[in-house]
Amino acid sequence: MDTFSLGTQLSASMIYQLLNPNITVEISAETVERVTKCRSMLEDEIDKKKPIYGVSTGFGQLASQWIDPDKLDQLQVNLIRSHAAGMGEAIPKDITRTAMILLANSLAKGHSGIRMQTLELLKEFINFDAVPVTYRYGSLGASGDLAPLAHIALALIGEGKVEYHNHTISAQEFFQRTGLTPLTLKAKEGLALINGTHFITAYAIHFLDKAKKLLGLSTVASALSIEALRGSATPFDERITNLRPHKGQKIIAERIHNLLKGSKIIQSHRDPNVDKKVQDPYSLRCIPQVMGAVWDALAHLEQKVVIEVNSVTDNPLIFPEDAEVLSGGNFHGEPLVLPLEYATLAITEWANITERRINRLVHPSTKELPAFLASNPGLESGYMIPHYTVAAIVNRMRTLSHPAASDNIPVSGDQEDHVSMGMGSATKAYEVIDMATIVVAAEMHMAIRGLNMQPSRPKSSHKLEKIITAYNENVQFVPEDHYVRKSWIEAIDTMMKEQFLDLTGPFSLFVE
């Protein structure tokens, strides 16, 4: 999908196509009709001088303050300037761009009361790849992502900063370069631009995109650890899974079973009288149960994201067919926040069990491998300290697994007395998946290193041998102590290469 028509109903597979940095958006005739009809109806209501929240009244606790009709436009400008209060580091450009597309898609549904020129200008920003600079801190996830969305709106009115052609410039300079005209906000438009869950949702989509790829890589790393540690393929037998048929468990067990199929390593140590090992430790034996539960958590989040990207999370909402303006709470982030917290905890658990396999790969008591994967243990430390690094990362992930959603700080003079803290949940999830990438890379690197240190080992499966070969072509195997960070970064880069992802296969989650 190179072009996306705003207002379209998005499927599970389509939401990831929005992440294409070259995607452009267009406005259909149906969208023009919906948006124009909604704006016309709202203007009729304004002319009747009815009290409409955020249109003819103040905001939050100031909702009881009546605004003079000749000040309605100024009210919207004041709203944007006062709410653009974000702080901290800039939100990554790709996430802000996704949020802009989600915002435009919601506005195109025709329930927000904006004018067509407002949607047109937002479309132009997206297609020019001009991304307003937004900031991490400020949104409480109710009423929507106010602060970061306000920084987008600020750029639309010619203020604030924009990332354009790999440079940060003033919004004013952007308009001068392109010949576009800054937006003059009219009644309701400022509120429509900032009252939504678009940043939480954008973070969730990027999180899921990374998690799906990483889950595919992690099953391969797990299978390689099983081979390096002389584990058993029995726990992945479908007869076991059929007696506890959780969907994720079945998928993970089947994936690893297929990866190990035909392995001569597995066949070489099936006789318990020779191997003296009846059962593997939990970190090997319970991979389908743990990683399967992670799959289920991600699938649950994806289902919620699909609903959210097709929703209107503005307030108040306008229903032209009924000639009514209704105030509600669709901006509240809770429907996404709880699944995000669940998914963050799931990723941390995934890292927990991965660390336990890494521990076994380097443990001096592991008879299948040299102590700490060193070629000359004692003289060399091998991969002793990378395990420390993994432990430090997993500790940080555990800290971030404390739910932001369990907190509540009432604001706006207690008018907004329960907020979701959804932006905290979203940014934590994004941080956790990046750390999980480092942990998975460590397991894959150490498992392949362990197999490389067994030159006379039997062959693994055809699939795993292809992966080992491709990996070794990109990451040099150095038997003696070496600059580990360099190898580790090479491991991450290799894992994320498109051809390597093709070999390992990302996961499909939600079945449409």
Protein backbone atom coordinates (compact mmCIF):
# COMPACT_ATOMS: atom_id res chain seq x y z
CA MET A 1 0.00 0.00 0.00
CA ASP A 2 1.73 3.16 -1.23
CA THR A 3 -1.31 5.42 -0.94
CA PHE A 4 -3.82 5.43 1.90
CA SER A 5 -7.28 6.94 1.54
CA LEU A 6 -8.20 8.75 4.76
CA GLY A 7 -11.29 7.44 6.52
CA THR A 8 -10.66 3.87 5.32
CA GLN A 9 -11.46 0.96 7.60
CA LEU A 10 -8.08 -0.57 8.43
CA SER A 11 -7.47 -4.30 8.75
CA ALA A 12 -4.82 -5.88 10.97
CA SER A 13 -2.39 -6.26 8.08
CA MET A 14 -3.00 -2.71 6.82
CA ILE A 15 -2.01 -0.99 10.06
CA TYR A 16 1.63 -2.04 9.60
CA GLN A 17 1.65 -0.66 6.06
CA LEU A 18 1.08 2.77 7.57
CA LEU A 19 4.65 2.56 8.89
CA ASN A 20 6.00 2.78 5.33
CA PRO A 21 7.93 6.10 5.37
CA ASN A 22 7.02 6.67 1.72
CA ILE A 23 3.28 6.19 2.09
CA THR A 24 1.12 9.12 1.00
CA VAL A 25 -2.45 9.89 1.99
CA GLU A 26 -5.37 11.04 -0.12
CA ILE A 27 -8.87 12.34 0.51
CA SER A 28 -11.79 10.68 -1.22
CA ALA A 29 -14.99 12.35 -2.39
CA GLU A 30 -16.86 10.42 0.31
CA THR A 31 -14.59 11.91 2.98
CA VAL A 32 -15.16 15.42 1.63
CA GLU A 33 -18.90 14.85 1.85
CA ARG A 34 -18.75 13.48 5.42
CA VAL A 35 -16.48 16.21 6.75
CA THR A 36 -18.39 19.04 5.02
CA LYS A 37 -21.74 17.76 6.26
CA CYS A 38 -20.45 17.50 9.82
CA ARG A 39 -18.96 21.01 9.79
CA SER A 40 -22.15 22.49 8.37
CA MET A 41 -24.24 20.92 11.12
CA LEU A 42 -21.83 22.15 13.82
CA GLU A 43 -21.94 25.69 12.47
CA ASP A 44 -25.74 25.56 12.63
CA GLU A 45 -25.50 24.60 16.30
CA ILE A 46 -23.00 27.39 16.97
CA ASP A 47 -25.34 29.91 15.35
CA LYS A 48 -28.04 28.84 17.83
CA LYS A 49 -25.67 29.97 20.62
CA LYS A 50 -25.98 26.67 22.44
CA PRO A 51 -23.43 25.79 25.13
CA ILE A 52 -21.12 23.23 23.48
CA TYR A 53 -18.11 22.01 25.42
CA GLY A 54 -14.86 23.38 24.05
CA VAL A 55 -16.68 25.32 21.36
CA SER A 56 -18.60 27.95 23.28
CA THR A 57 -17.17 27.07 26.70
CA GLY A 58 -13.74 26.78 28.30
CA PHE A 59 -11.94 23.47 28.83
CA GLY A 60 -11.66 21.01 31.70
CA GLN A 61 -12.67 22.65 34.99
CA LEU A 62 -13.31 25.84 33.01
CA ALA A 63 -16.13 24.17 31.05
CA SER A 64 -18.67 26.33 32.89
CA GLN A 65 -17.12 29.51 31.48
CA TRP A 66 -19.15 30.89 28.57
CA ILE A 67 -17.11 32.26 25.66
CA ASP A 68 -18.32 35.29 23.70
CA PRO A 69 -19.22 34.40 20.09
CA ASP A 70 -16.57 36.75 18.68
CA LYS A 71 -13.86 34.97 20.71
CA LEU A 72 -14.54 31.38 19.59
CA ASP A 73 -11.66 31.27 17.10
CA GLN A 74 -9.22 32.82 19.58
CA LEU A 75 -10.27 30.18 22.11
CA GLN A 76 -8.93 27.47 19.78
CA VAL A 77 -5.60 29.23 19.20
CA ASN A 78 -5.19 29.76 22.95
CA LEU A 79 -5.93 26.07 23.48
CA ILE A 80 -3.14 24.96 21.16
CA ARG A 81 -0.55 27.38 22.52
CA SER A 82 -1.31 26.56 26.15
CA HIS A 83 -1.49 22.80 25.62
CA ALA A 84 1.77 22.54 23.64
CA ALA A 85 3.57 21.94 26.93
CA GLY A 86 5.51 18.80 26.08
CA MET A 87 8.92 18.25 27.63
CA GLY A 88 11.75 15.73 27.54
CA GLU A 89 13.35 14.24 24.46
CA ALA A 90 11.67 14.46 21.07
CA ILE A 91 9.35 11.61 20.17
CA PRO A 92 10.88 9.61 17.27
CA LYS A 93 9.87 11.08 13.93
CA ASP A 94 8.39 7.83 12.61
CA ILE A 95 6.05 7.54 15.59
CA THR A 96 4.86 11.15 15.27
CA ARG A 97 4.27 10.63 11.54
CA THR A 98 2.16 7.56 12.28
CA ALA A 99 0.20 9.54 14.87
CA MET A 100 -0.47 12.21 12.23
CA ILE A 101 -1.89 9.62 9.84
CA LEU A 102 -4.06 8.16 12.60
CA LEU A 103 -5.28 11.64 13.54
CA ALA A 104 -6.12 12.44 9.92
CA ASN A 105 -7.90 9.11 9.53
CA SER A 106 -10.04 9.79 12.60
CA LEU A 107 -10.90 13.34 11.48
CA ALA A 108 -11.92 11.94 8.08
CA LYS A 109 -14.66 9.89 9.71
CA GLY A 110 -16.79 13.05 9.84
CA HIS A 111 -17.61 13.32 13.56
CA SER A 112 -15.13 15.99 14.67
CA GLY A 113 -16.49 19.16 13.10
CA ILE A 114 -13.34 20.34 11.31
CA ARG A 115 -13.32 22.16 7.98
CA MET A 116 -11.95 20.51 4.85
CA GLN A 117 -9.01 22.93 4.67
CA THR A 118 -7.85 21.68 8.07
CA LEU A 119 -7.80 18.06 6.90
CA GLU A 120 -6.20 19.13 3.62
CA LEU A 121 -3.32 20.89 5.41
CA LEU A 122 -2.71 17.89 7.67
CA LYS A 123 -2.63 15.75 4.54
CA GLU A 124 -0.05 18.09 2.96
CA PHE A 125 2.19 17.87 6.02
CA ILE A 126 2.08 14.07 5.83
CA ASN A 127 2.77 13.96 2.10
CA PHE A 128 5.60 16.50 2.35
CA ASP A 129 7.00 14.30 5.15
CA ALA A 130 7.06 17.40 7.33
CA VAL A 131 6.81 16.08 10.88
CA PRO A 132 6.23 18.49 13.79
CA VAL A 133 8.65 18.09 16.68
CA THR A 134 6.74 16.56 19.59
CA TYR A 135 7.88 15.61 23.08
CA ARG A 136 7.70 12.52 25.25
CA TYR A 137 6.26 13.98 28.46
CA GLY A 138 2.92 15.73 28.77
CA SER A 139 0.16 13.30 27.83
CA LEU A 140 -1.83 11.54 30.56
CA GLY A 141 -3.83 9.50 28.05
CA ALA A 142 -7.01 11.45 28.94
CA SER A 143 -8.29 13.69 27.49
CA GLY A 144 -6.34 11.98 24.80
CA ASP A 145 -2.71 12.79 24.02
CA LEU A 146 -3.19 16.51 24.52
CA ALA A 147 0.38 17.81 24.75
CA PRO A 148 2.04 15.92 21.86
CA LEU A 149 -0.97 16.42 19.59
CA ALA A 150 -0.92 20.13 20.47
CA HIS A 151 2.62 20.33 19.11
CA ILE A 152 1.31 18.95 15.79
CA ALA A 153 -1.49 21.52 15.78
CA LEU A 154 0.99 24.25 16.70
CA ALA A 155 2.94 23.56 13.51
CA LEU A 156 -0.26 23.66 11.45
CA ILE A 157 -0.89 27.25 12.59
CA GLY A 158 2.69 28.22 11.70
CA GLU A 159 4.32 27.96 15.11
CA GLY A 160 6.64 25.40 16.70
CA LYS A 161 9.21 23.27 14.85
CA VAL A 162 9.13 20.76 12.01
CA GLU A 163 11.50 18.01 10.85
CA TYR A 164 11.77 18.49 7.10
CA HIS A 165 14.38 17.09 4.68
CA ASN A 166 16.44 15.79 7.62
CA HIS A 167 16.64 19.20 9.28
CA THR A 168 14.71 20.80 12.12
CA ILE A 169 13.30 24.13 10.99
CA SER A 170 10.62 26.50 12.22
CA ALA A 171 7.09 25.84 11.02
CA GLN A 172 7.11 29.36 9.62
CA GLU A 173 10.13 28.50 7.44
CA PHE A 174 8.40 25.33 6.26
CA PHE A 175 5.42 27.35 5.03
CA GLN A 176 7.73 29.80 3.29
CA ARG A 177 9.57 26.97 1.50
CA THR A 178 6.46 25.14 0.34
CA GLY A 179 4.11 28.03 -0.36
CA LEU A 180 1.43 26.48 1.85
CA THR A 181 -0.68 28.72 4.06
CA PRO A 182 -0.80 28.27 7.86
CA LEU A 183 -4.12 27.26 9.30
CA THR A 184 -6.46 29.81 10.85
CA LEU A 185 -8.34 27.79 13.44
CA LYS A 186 -12.09 28.06 13.66
CA ALA A 187 -14.46 26.94 16.41
CA LYS A 188 -13.90 23.36 17.64
CA GLU A 189 -10.92 22.70 15.37
CA GLY A 190 -8.16 23.05 17.95
CA LEU A 191 -9.97 20.67 20.25
CA ALA A 192 -10.56 18.19 17.41
CA LEU A 193 -6.84 18.17 16.61
CA ILE A 194 -5.67 17.32 20.13
CA ASN A 195 -8.43 15.21 21.67
CA GLY A 196 -7.49 11.64 20.76
CA THR A 197 -5.37 8.57 21.53
CA HIS A 198 -3.28 8.78 18.37
CA PHE A 199 0.15 8.82 20.01
CA ILE A 200 -0.61 5.89 22.32
CA THR A 201 -1.88 3.99 19.28
CA ALA A 202 1.13 4.94 17.14
CA TYR A 203 3.51 3.69 19.81
CA ALA A 204 1.49 0.46 20.07
CA ILE A 205 1.70 -0.17 16.31
CA HIS A 206 5.47 0.37 16.23
CA PHE A 207 5.85 -1.82 19.32
CA LEU A 208 3.85 -4.63 17.71
CA ASP A 209 5.76 -4.36 14.45
CA LYS A 210 9.05 -4.85 16.30
CA ALA A 211 7.65 -7.53 18.59
CA LYS A 212 6.36 -9.69 15.74
CA LYS A 213 9.74 -9.70 14.02
CA LEU A 214 11.55 -10.32 17.28
CA LEU A 215 9.29 -13.20 18.28
CA GLY A 216 10.19 -14.93 15.02
CA LEU A 217 13.89 -14.36 15.69
CA SER A 218 13.54 -15.52 19.28
CA THR A 219 12.03 -18.87 18.34
CA VAL A 220 15.08 -19.45 16.12
CA ALA A 221 17.44 -18.39 18.92
CA SER A 222 15.60 -20.76 21.28
CA ALA A 223 15.93 -23.65 18.84
CA LEU A 224 19.65 -22.91 18.46
CA SER A 225 20.05 -22.95 22.25
CA ILE A 226 18.30 -26.30 22.39
CA GLU A 227 20.82 -27.62 19.88
CA ALA A 228 23.85 -26.08 21.60
CA LEU A 229 22.72 -27.40 24.99
CA ARG A 230 21.74 -30.83 23.62
CA GLY A 231 18.11 -30.36 24.53
CA SER A 232 15.17 -32.54 23.57
CA ALA A 233 12.54 -32.00 20.86
CA THR A 234 9.93 -33.92 22.86
CA PRO A 235 8.36 -30.87 24.60
CA PHE A 236 7.32 -29.57 21.15
CA ASP A 237 5.35 -32.68 20.26
CA GLU A 238 1.86 -31.66 19.15
CA ARG A 239 0.31 -34.38 21.31
CA ILE A 240 1.44 -32.46 24.39
CA THR A 241 0.15 -29.14 23.08
CA ASN A 242 -3.20 -30.62 22.02
CA LEU A 243 -3.93 -31.35 25.65
CA ARG A 244 -3.58 -27.62 26.46
CA PRO A 245 -4.51 -25.92 23.22
CA HIS A 246 -3.73 -22.26 23.87
CA LYS A 247 -3.25 -20.71 20.46
CA GLY A 248 0.14 -19.14 21.17
CA GLN A 249 1.48 -22.33 22.71
CA LYS A 250 0.44 -24.34 19.65
CA ILE A 251 2.07 -21.85 17.27
CA ILE A 252 5.38 -21.69 19.17
CA ALA A 253 5.58 -25.47 19.65
CA GLU A 254 4.89 -26.06 15.97
CA ARG A 255 7.45 -23.43 14.90
CA ILE A 256 10.25 -24.91 17.03
CA HIS A 257 9.29 -28.48 16.11
CA ASN A 258 9.68 -27.55 12.43
CA LEU A 259 12.99 -25.80 13.08
CA LEU A 260 14.41 -28.90 14.79
CA LYS A 261 12.98 -31.39 12.33
CA GLY A 262 15.73 -33.49 10.78
CA SER A 263 18.39 -32.42 13.27
CA LYS A 264 21.21 -34.96 13.63
CA ILE A 265 22.16 -33.29 16.91
CA ILE A 266 18.78 -34.21 18.41
CA GLN A 267 19.09 -37.76 17.12
CA SER A 268 22.61 -38.13 18.54
CA HIS A 269 21.55 -37.83 22.17
CA ARG A 270 18.12 -39.43 22.37
CA ASP A 271 19.33 -42.41 24.37
CA PRO A 272 18.96 -41.45 28.08
CA ASN A 273 21.43 -44.20 29.00
CA VAL A 274 24.08 -42.34 27.04
CA ASP A 275 23.01 -38.78 27.74
CA LYS A 276 21.87 -39.43 31.34
CA LYS A 277 19.29 -36.66 30.95
CA VAL A 278 15.58 -37.46 31.18
CA GLN A 279 14.18 -33.92 31.15
CA ASP A 280 15.46 -30.50 30.16
CA PRO A 281 15.29 -27.48 32.49
CA TYR A 282 12.20 -25.30 32.29
CA SER A 283 13.91 -22.61 30.21
CA LEU A 284 14.11 -25.18 27.40
CA ARG A 285 11.20 -27.45 28.13
CA CYS A 286 8.60 -24.72 28.75
CA ILE A 287 9.38 -22.49 25.76
CA PRO A 288 5.95 -23.09 24.15
CA GLN A 289 4.11 -22.32 27.38
CA VAL A 290 6.01 -19.08 28.10
CA MET A 291 6.57 -17.73 24.61
CA GLY A 292 3.11 -18.91 23.62
CA ALA A 293 1.65 -16.75 26.38
CA VAL A 294 3.67 -13.83 24.98
CA TRP A 295 2.17 -14.49 21.54
CA ASP A 296 -1.32 -14.44 23.09
CA ALA A 297 -0.61 -11.12 24.84
CA LEU A 298 0.60 -9.52 21.62
CA ALA A 299 -2.38 -10.86 19.68
CA HIS A 300 -4.72 -9.36 22.29
CA LEU A 301 -3.02 -5.97 21.97
CA GLU A 302 -3.22 -6.15 18.18
CA GLN A 303 -6.96 -6.81 18.32
CA LYS A 304 -7.40 -3.69 20.45
CA VAL A 305 -5.20 -1.61 18.15
CA VAL A 306 -7.29 -2.59 15.12
CA ILE A 307 -10.40 -1.33 16.92
CA GLU A 308 -8.66 1.86 18.02
CA VAL A 309 -7.30 2.88 14.61
CA ASN A 310 -10.82 2.61 13.21
CA SER A 311 -12.37 4.64 16.03
CA VAL A 312 -13.11 8.31 16.61
CA THR A 313 -11.57 9.39 19.92
CA ASP A 314 -12.47 13.06 19.84
CA ASN A 315 -14.75 14.96 22.24
CA PRO A 316 -17.37 16.27 21.87
CA LEU A 317 -18.58 14.14 18.98
CA ILE A 318 -20.90 15.38 16.28
CA PHE A 319 -23.65 13.27 14.75
CA PRO A 320 -24.95 15.09 11.67
CA GLU A 321 -27.63 12.50 10.97
CA ASP A 322 -29.16 13.19 14.40
CA ALA A 323 -28.25 16.89 14.53
CA GLU A 324 -26.65 16.33 17.95
CA VAL A 325 -23.38 17.16 19.65
CA LEU A 326 -22.58 14.70 22.42
CA SER A 327 -19.89 14.87 25.09
CA GLY A 328 -18.36 11.58 26.17
CA GLY A 329 -15.07 9.91 27.03
CA ASN A 330 -13.76 8.20 23.88
CA PHE A 331 -10.45 9.99 24.45
CA HIS A 332 -9.71 7.86 27.51
CA GLY A 333 -6.76 5.55 26.83
CA GLU A 334 -7.73 2.65 29.09
CA PRO A 335 -8.84 0.23 26.31
CA LEU A 336 -5.30 0.37 24.89
CA VAL A 337 -3.38 0.93 28.09
CA LEU A 338 -4.25 -2.30 29.86
CA PRO A 339 -3.30 -4.46 26.83
CA LEU A 340 -0.08 -2.42 26.49
CA GLU A 341 0.82 -3.08 30.11
CA TYR A 342 0.02 -6.77 29.65
CA ALA A 343 2.20 -6.89 26.52
CA THR A 344 5.06 -5.09 28.28
CA LEU A 345 4.98 -7.62 31.10
CA ALA A 346 4.86 -10.41 28.52
CA ILE A 347 7.96 -9.10 26.73
CA THR A 348 9.76 -8.91 30.07
CA GLU A 349 8.83 -12.50 30.87
CA TRP A 350 10.12 -13.47 27.46
CA ALA A 351 13.42 -11.76 28.30
CA ASN A 352 13.44 -13.51 31.69
CA ILE A 353 13.32 -17.00 30.19
CA THR A 354 15.79 -15.99 27.46
CA GLU A 355 18.27 -14.86 30.11
CA ARG A 356 17.95 -18.25 31.81
CA ARG A 357 18.97 -20.00 28.58
CA ILE A 358 21.88 -17.56 28.17
CA ASN A 359 22.94 -18.44 31.70
CA ARG A 360 23.07 -22.11 30.73
CA LEU A 361 25.03 -21.36 27.56
CA VAL A 362 27.81 -19.70 29.58
CA HIS A 363 27.56 -21.64 32.85
CA PRO A 364 30.77 -23.49 33.80
CA SER A 365 28.77 -26.56 34.83
CA THR A 366 27.25 -26.95 31.34
CA LYS A 367 29.16 -30.02 30.14
CA GLU A 368 28.26 -29.58 26.48
CA LEU A 369 30.11 -26.25 26.18
CA PRO A 370 33.34 -24.68 27.47
CA ALA A 371 32.98 -22.43 30.53
CA PHE A 372 31.67 -18.98 29.55
CA LEU A 373 32.09 -19.96 25.89
CA ALA A 374 35.80 -19.18 26.23
CA SER A 375 38.29 -21.08 24.07
CA ASN A 376 40.77 -21.07 26.98
CA PRO A 377 38.74 -20.61 30.21
CA GLY A 378 40.73 -18.89 32.92
CA LEU A 379 43.15 -17.13 30.64
CA GLU A 380 40.07 -15.85 28.83
CA SER A 381 36.75 -14.67 30.30
CA GLY A 382 34.77 -15.43 27.17
CA TYR A 383 31.16 -14.31 27.43
CA MET A 384 31.01 -14.00 31.22
CA ILE A 385 30.37 -10.24 31.19
CA PRO A 386 27.84 -10.14 28.33
CA HIS A 387 25.69 -12.25 30.65
CA TYR A 388 26.06 -9.47 33.25
CA THR A 389 24.89 -6.97 30.63
CA VAL A 390 21.86 -9.10 29.85
CA ALA A 391 21.09 -9.36 33.57
CA ALA A 392 21.28 -5.55 33.88
CA ILE A 393 18.96 -5.09 30.89
CA VAL A 394 16.42 -7.61 32.19
CA ASN A 395 16.48 -5.85 35.57
CA ARG A 396 15.62 -2.58 33.81
CA MET A 397 12.82 -4.32 31.91
CA ARG A 398 11.39 -5.64 35.16
CA THR A 399 11.38 -2.11 36.57
CA LEU A 400 9.52 -0.84 33.49
CA SER A 401 6.99 -3.64 33.85
CA HIS A 402 5.46 -1.86 36.82
CA PRO A 403 2.20 -0.59 35.28
CA ALA A 404 1.87 3.13 34.71
CA ALA A 405 -1.85 2.40 34.47
CA SER A 406 -2.01 1.55 38.17
CA ASP A 407 -1.32 5.20 38.96
CA ASN A 408 -3.80 8.07 38.87
CA ILE A 409 -3.13 11.76 39.44
CA PRO A 410 -6.33 13.84 39.11
CA VAL A 411 -5.83 17.04 37.11
CA SER A 412 -7.75 20.07 35.81
CA GLY A 413 -9.10 20.95 39.23
CA ASP A 414 -10.36 17.36 39.62
CA GLN A 415 -12.59 17.62 36.54
CA GLU A 416 -10.34 15.01 34.97
CA ASP A 417 -10.22 12.89 38.09
CA HIS A 418 -9.19 9.60 36.48
CA VAL A 419 -6.57 9.45 33.76
CA SER A 420 -5.05 6.41 32.06
CA MET A 421 -1.38 7.48 32.11
CA GLY A 422 -1.39 5.84 28.68
CA MET A 423 1.61 7.66 27.26
CA GLY A 424 3.70 6.25 30.09
CA SER A 425 2.46 2.76 29.21
CA ALA A 426 3.20 3.31 25.52
CA THR A 427 6.72 4.71 25.91
CA LYS A 428 7.63 1.96 28.40
CA ALA A 429 6.51 -0.70 25.95
CA TYR A 430 8.60 0.87 23.19
CA GLU A 431 11.66 0.98 25.45
CA VAL A 432 11.17 -2.62 26.58
CA ILE A 433 10.96 -4.06 23.06
CA ASP A 434 14.24 -2.35 22.13
CA MET A 435 15.91 -3.90 25.17
CA ALA A 436 14.41 -7.30 24.33
CA THR A 437 16.11 -7.04 20.93
CA ILE A 438 19.49 -6.86 22.67
CA VAL A 439 18.66 -9.90 24.81
CA VAL A 440 17.48 -12.00 21.87
CA ALA A 441 20.60 -11.05 19.90
CA ALA A 442 22.71 -12.18 22.85
CA GLU A 443 21.04 -15.60 22.91
CA MET A 444 21.36 -16.12 19.17
CA HIS A 445 24.99 -15.00 19.16
CA MET A 446 25.96 -17.19 22.11
CA ALA A 447 24.03 -20.24 20.88
CA ILE A 448 25.70 -20.06 17.46
CA ARG A 449 29.05 -19.44 19.14
CA GLY A 450 28.47 -22.57 21.21
CA LEU A 451 27.73 -24.58 18.08
CA ASN A 452 30.77 -23.08 16.31
CA MET A 453 32.93 -24.28 19.23
CA GLN A 454 31.89 -27.87 18.47
CA PRO A 455 33.63 -28.45 15.09
CA SER A 456 32.90 -32.18 15.08
CA ARG A 457 29.25 -31.81 16.08
CA PRO A 458 26.53 -33.55 14.05
CA LYS A 459 24.58 -31.40 11.61
CA SER A 460 21.56 -29.49 12.84
CA SER A 461 18.38 -29.34 10.76
CA HIS A 462 18.56 -28.03 7.21
CA LYS A 463 16.70 -24.86 8.24
CA LEU A 464 18.94 -24.11 11.22
CA GLU A 465 22.13 -24.87 9.31
CA LYS A 466 21.10 -22.30 6.67
CA ILE A 467 20.54 -19.75 9.43
CA ILE A 468 23.88 -20.58 11.11
CA THR A 469 25.69 -20.22 7.77
CA ALA A 470 24.00 -16.91 6.97
CA TYR A 471 24.78 -15.63 10.44
CA ASN A 472 28.45 -16.63 10.31
CA GLU A 473 28.80 -14.87 6.97
CA ASN A 474 27.82 -11.61 8.67
CA VAL A 475 29.25 -11.99 12.16
CA GLN A 476 32.82 -13.23 12.40
CA PHE A 477 33.42 -16.11 14.80
CA VAL A 478 36.42 -15.19 16.96
CA PRO A 479 37.37 -18.07 19.33
CA GLU A 480 39.58 -16.01 21.67
CA ASP A 481 38.56 -12.96 23.75
CA HIS A 482 37.61 -10.06 21.52
CA TYR A 483 35.73 -6.75 21.52
CA VAL A 484 32.37 -8.22 22.48
CA ARG A 485 30.28 -5.06 21.99
CA LYS A 486 31.27 -4.93 18.31
CA SER A 487 30.21 -8.55 17.77
CA TRP A 488 26.99 -7.97 19.67
CA ILE A 489 26.03 -4.95 17.56
CA GLU A 490 26.86 -6.94 14.43
CA ALA A 491 24.54 -9.66 15.76
CA ILE A 492 21.68 -7.17 16.17
CA ASP A 493 22.27 -5.70 12.72
CA THR A 494 22.36 -9.16 11.16
CA MET A 495 19.14 -10.24 12.85
CA MET A 496 17.32 -7.15 11.57
CA LYS A 497 18.46 -7.54 7.95
CA GLU A 498 15.58 -8.25 5.62
CA GLN A 499 17.15 -11.39 4.18
CA PHE A 500 17.81 -12.77 7.66
CA LEU A 501 14.22 -12.01 8.69
CA ASP A 502 13.12 -13.87 5.56
CA LEU A 503 15.10 -16.90 6.75
CA THR A 504 13.74 -16.80 10.29
CA GLY A 505 10.23 -15.54 9.50
CA PRO A 506 8.25 -12.91 11.46
CA PHE A 507 5.05 -13.96 13.17
CA SER A 508 1.54 -13.31 12.01
CA LEU A 509 -0.59 -12.46 15.02
CA PHE A 510 -4.20 -11.51 14.50
CA VAL A 511 -6.02 -13.71 12.01
CA GLU A 512 -8.45 -11.57 10.05
